[in-house]
N, C-alpha and C. Protein backbone atom coordinates (compact mmCIF):
# COMPACT_ATOMS: atom_id res chain seq x y z
N MET A 1 -8.68 6.09 -0.25
CA MET A 1 -9.38 5.04 -0.96
C MET A 1 -8.93 5.03 -2.40
N PRO A 2 -8.96 3.91 -3.03
CA PRO A 2 -8.45 3.81 -4.40
C PRO A 2 -9.45 4.31 -5.44
N VAL A 3 -9.85 5.57 -5.33
CA VAL A 3 -10.85 6.13 -6.24
C VAL A 3 -10.30 6.22 -7.65
N ARG A 4 -9.05 6.63 -7.78
CA ARG A 4 -8.46 6.77 -9.11
C ARG A 4 -8.41 5.43 -9.84
N SER A 5 -8.06 4.38 -9.12
CA SER A 5 -7.99 3.07 -9.79
C SER A 5 -9.38 2.59 -10.20
N ILE A 6 -10.40 2.90 -9.42
CA ILE A 6 -11.76 2.52 -9.79
C ILE A 6 -12.19 3.27 -11.05
N ILE A 7 -11.86 4.55 -11.13
CA ILE A 7 -12.20 5.35 -12.31
C ILE A 7 -11.51 4.79 -13.55
N VAL A 8 -10.23 4.44 -13.40
CA VAL A 8 -9.49 3.89 -14.54
C VAL A 8 -10.11 2.57 -15.00
N VAL A 9 -10.49 1.72 -14.05
CA VAL A 9 -11.09 0.43 -14.40
C VAL A 9 -12.42 0.63 -15.10
N VAL A 10 -13.23 1.55 -14.61
CA VAL A 10 -14.53 1.82 -15.24
C VAL A 10 -14.33 2.35 -16.66
N LEU A 11 -13.38 3.23 -16.85
CA LEU A 11 -13.11 3.75 -18.19
C LEU A 11 -12.59 2.66 -19.11
N MET A 12 -11.72 1.79 -18.60
CA MET A 12 -11.21 0.69 -19.43
C MET A 12 -12.34 -0.25 -19.82
N HIS A 13 -13.23 -0.51 -18.88
CA HIS A 13 -14.34 -1.40 -19.19
C HIS A 13 -15.31 -0.75 -20.17
N GLY A 14 -15.56 0.53 -19.99
CA GLY A 14 -16.51 1.24 -20.85
C GLY A 14 -16.02 1.43 -22.26
N PHE A 15 -14.77 1.86 -22.42
CA PHE A 15 -14.26 2.18 -23.74
C PHE A 15 -13.59 0.99 -24.44
N LEU A 16 -12.88 0.17 -23.69
CA LEU A 16 -12.12 -0.92 -24.29
C LEU A 16 -12.81 -2.27 -24.16
N LYS A 17 -13.92 -2.29 -23.45
CA LYS A 17 -14.67 -3.54 -23.20
C LYS A 17 -13.78 -4.61 -22.56
N SER A 18 -12.93 -4.18 -21.64
CA SER A 18 -12.01 -5.08 -20.95
C SER A 18 -12.64 -5.56 -19.65
N THR A 19 -12.87 -6.84 -19.52
CA THR A 19 -13.44 -7.38 -18.28
C THR A 19 -12.37 -7.91 -17.33
N LYS A 20 -11.16 -8.12 -17.83
CA LYS A 20 -10.08 -8.61 -16.97
C LYS A 20 -9.74 -7.58 -15.89
N SER A 21 -9.81 -6.32 -16.24
CA SER A 21 -9.48 -5.29 -15.26
C SER A 21 -10.52 -5.25 -14.14
N LEU A 22 -11.78 -5.52 -14.45
CA LEU A 22 -12.81 -5.58 -13.41
C LEU A 22 -12.57 -6.74 -12.46
N LEU A 23 -12.20 -7.87 -13.01
CA LEU A 23 -11.91 -9.04 -12.19
C LEU A 23 -10.70 -8.79 -11.29
N LEU A 24 -9.66 -8.24 -11.85
CA LEU A 24 -8.45 -7.95 -11.08
C LEU A 24 -8.73 -6.94 -9.98
N GLN A 25 -9.49 -5.91 -10.28
CA GLN A 25 -9.82 -4.88 -9.30
C GLN A 25 -10.62 -5.47 -8.14
N SER A 26 -11.55 -6.36 -8.44
CA SER A 26 -12.36 -6.95 -7.37
C SER A 26 -11.52 -7.86 -6.48
N ILE A 27 -10.55 -8.57 -7.06
CA ILE A 27 -9.68 -9.42 -6.26
C ILE A 27 -8.76 -8.57 -5.40
N LEU A 28 -8.18 -7.54 -5.98
CA LEU A 28 -7.26 -6.68 -5.23
C LEU A 28 -7.96 -5.91 -4.12
N LEU A 29 -9.24 -5.61 -4.30
CA LEU A 29 -9.99 -4.93 -3.25
C LEU A 29 -10.02 -5.76 -1.98
N PHE A 30 -10.29 -7.06 -2.11
CA PHE A 30 -10.32 -7.92 -0.93
C PHE A 30 -8.92 -8.12 -0.35
N ARG A 31 -7.92 -8.13 -1.20
CA ARG A 31 -6.54 -8.25 -0.72
C ARG A 31 -6.16 -7.03 0.10
N ARG A 32 -6.49 -5.84 -0.38
CA ARG A 32 -6.19 -4.61 0.36
C ARG A 32 -6.95 -4.56 1.68
N LEU A 33 -8.19 -5.01 1.64
CA LEU A 33 -8.99 -5.05 2.86
C LEU A 33 -8.36 -5.98 3.88
N TRP A 34 -7.91 -7.15 3.45
CA TRP A 34 -7.32 -8.13 4.35
C TRP A 34 -6.03 -7.61 4.97
N GLN A 35 -5.29 -6.75 4.26
CA GLN A 35 -4.03 -6.22 4.75
C GLN A 35 -4.20 -4.93 5.58
N ALA A 36 -5.38 -4.36 5.60
CA ALA A 36 -5.61 -3.10 6.32
C ALA A 36 -5.53 -3.34 7.82
N GLN A 37 -4.89 -2.42 8.51
CA GLN A 37 -4.69 -2.59 9.95
C GLN A 37 -5.99 -2.45 10.73
N LEU A 38 -6.87 -1.57 10.30
CA LEU A 38 -8.16 -1.44 10.99
C LEU A 38 -8.97 -2.72 10.87
N PHE A 39 -8.93 -3.38 9.72
CA PHE A 39 -9.63 -4.64 9.52
C PHE A 39 -9.08 -5.71 10.46
N LYS A 40 -7.76 -5.74 10.60
CA LYS A 40 -7.14 -6.73 11.47
C LYS A 40 -7.53 -6.52 12.93
N VAL A 41 -7.59 -5.26 13.35
CA VAL A 41 -7.87 -4.97 14.76
C VAL A 41 -9.36 -5.14 15.08
N TYR A 42 -10.23 -4.56 14.26
CA TYR A 42 -11.65 -4.52 14.62
C TYR A 42 -12.46 -5.69 14.10
N ILE A 43 -12.17 -6.21 12.93
CA ILE A 43 -12.96 -7.31 12.37
C ILE A 43 -12.39 -8.67 12.78
N LEU A 44 -11.07 -8.82 12.65
CA LEU A 44 -10.44 -10.09 13.02
C LEU A 44 -10.15 -10.19 14.51
N ARG A 45 -10.33 -9.09 15.23
CA ARG A 45 -10.15 -9.04 16.69
C ARG A 45 -8.74 -9.45 17.12
N ARG A 46 -7.75 -9.00 16.36
CA ARG A 46 -6.36 -9.26 16.76
C ARG A 46 -5.97 -8.26 17.84
N GLU A 47 -5.07 -8.67 18.68
CA GLU A 47 -4.59 -7.81 19.76
C GLU A 47 -3.76 -6.67 19.17
N PRO A 48 -4.09 -5.41 19.49
CA PRO A 48 -3.33 -4.29 18.91
C PRO A 48 -1.97 -4.12 19.58
N SER A 49 -1.04 -4.97 19.25
CA SER A 49 0.31 -4.87 19.79
C SER A 49 1.29 -5.03 18.64
N GLY A 50 2.49 -4.58 18.84
CA GLY A 50 3.51 -4.66 17.79
C GLY A 50 3.18 -3.72 16.64
N ALA A 51 3.08 -4.27 15.44
CA ALA A 51 2.81 -3.46 14.25
C ALA A 51 1.39 -2.91 14.24
N LEU A 52 0.48 -3.53 14.98
CA LEU A 52 -0.91 -3.07 15.01
C LEU A 52 -1.17 -2.03 16.09
N GLU A 53 -0.16 -1.71 16.87
CA GLU A 53 -0.34 -0.76 17.96
C GLU A 53 -0.42 0.67 17.41
N ARG A 54 -1.33 1.45 17.96
CA ARG A 54 -1.49 2.83 17.51
C ARG A 54 -0.49 3.73 18.20
N PRO A 55 -0.06 4.81 17.67
CA PRO A 55 -0.31 5.28 16.32
C PRO A 55 0.50 4.47 15.32
N TRP A 56 -0.13 4.17 14.20
CA TRP A 56 0.53 3.34 13.21
C TRP A 56 1.59 4.13 12.48
N ALA A 57 2.69 3.47 12.23
CA ALA A 57 3.78 4.12 11.49
C ALA A 57 3.38 4.24 10.03
N LYS A 58 3.68 5.38 9.46
CA LYS A 58 3.39 5.57 8.04
C LYS A 58 4.42 4.80 7.22
N PRO A 59 4.00 4.13 6.18
CA PRO A 59 4.97 3.41 5.35
C PRO A 59 5.90 4.40 4.66
N THR A 60 7.16 4.04 4.58
CA THR A 60 8.12 4.93 3.95
C THR A 60 7.99 4.86 2.44
N SER A 61 8.15 5.99 1.81
CA SER A 61 8.04 6.04 0.36
C SER A 61 9.36 5.62 -0.27
N VAL A 62 9.33 5.35 -1.54
CA VAL A 62 10.53 4.93 -2.27
C VAL A 62 11.55 6.06 -2.27
N VAL A 63 11.07 7.28 -2.41
CA VAL A 63 11.97 8.44 -2.43
C VAL A 63 12.68 8.57 -1.08
N GLN A 64 11.95 8.38 0.01
CA GLN A 64 12.55 8.48 1.33
C GLN A 64 13.57 7.37 1.54
N GLN A 65 13.28 6.17 1.07
CA GLN A 65 14.23 5.06 1.18
C GLN A 65 15.50 5.35 0.39
N LEU A 66 15.35 5.94 -0.81
CA LEU A 66 16.52 6.27 -1.61
C LEU A 66 17.36 7.37 -0.96
N MET A 67 16.69 8.34 -0.34
CA MET A 67 17.42 9.41 0.35
C MET A 67 18.21 8.85 1.53
N GLU A 68 17.60 7.92 2.29
CA GLU A 68 18.30 7.30 3.41
C GLU A 68 19.48 6.48 2.93
N LEU A 69 19.31 5.77 1.80
CA LEU A 69 20.39 4.99 1.23
C LEU A 69 21.53 5.89 0.79
N ALA A 70 21.20 7.00 0.12
CA ALA A 70 22.23 7.94 -0.33
C ALA A 70 22.97 8.55 0.85
N GLN A 71 22.24 8.83 1.93
CA GLN A 71 22.88 9.40 3.11
C GLN A 71 23.82 8.38 3.75
N SER A 72 23.38 7.12 3.83
CA SER A 72 24.25 6.11 4.43
C SER A 72 25.48 5.84 3.56
N LEU A 73 25.30 5.89 2.23
CA LEU A 73 26.45 5.74 1.34
C LEU A 73 27.40 6.93 1.47
N GLY A 74 26.84 8.12 1.62
CA GLY A 74 27.66 9.31 1.81
C GLY A 74 28.45 9.25 3.10
N ASP A 75 27.84 8.73 4.16
CA ASP A 75 28.53 8.56 5.43
C ASP A 75 29.65 7.53 5.30
N ALA A 76 29.40 6.45 4.54
CA ALA A 76 30.41 5.41 4.36
C ALA A 76 31.59 5.96 3.57
N VAL A 77 31.35 6.81 2.57
CA VAL A 77 32.42 7.40 1.77
C VAL A 77 33.21 8.38 2.63
N ALA A 78 32.54 9.13 3.49
CA ALA A 78 33.22 10.11 4.34
C ALA A 78 34.13 9.41 5.35
N VAL A 79 33.74 8.25 5.82
CA VAL A 79 34.55 7.51 6.78
C VAL A 79 35.79 6.92 6.11
N ALA A 80 35.64 6.48 4.88
CA ALA A 80 36.76 5.84 4.17
C ALA A 80 37.73 6.86 3.69
């Protein structure tokens, strides 16, 4: 859960009197909810097939994507 982002928003609102961050956080909360796979399966009653089929694949991190890219580039250099 985005606990850290909620804490940051509360601190920004408390100390800096910033209300834009509260508005943005409330909008992004609904966006994250709409994109959540559990919400799609159980609330929207979508058929759990394809990307919604369990077990759900974990999203790849940026570091993992860069490592795969470096490995593929290394393979391409070794072939040439």
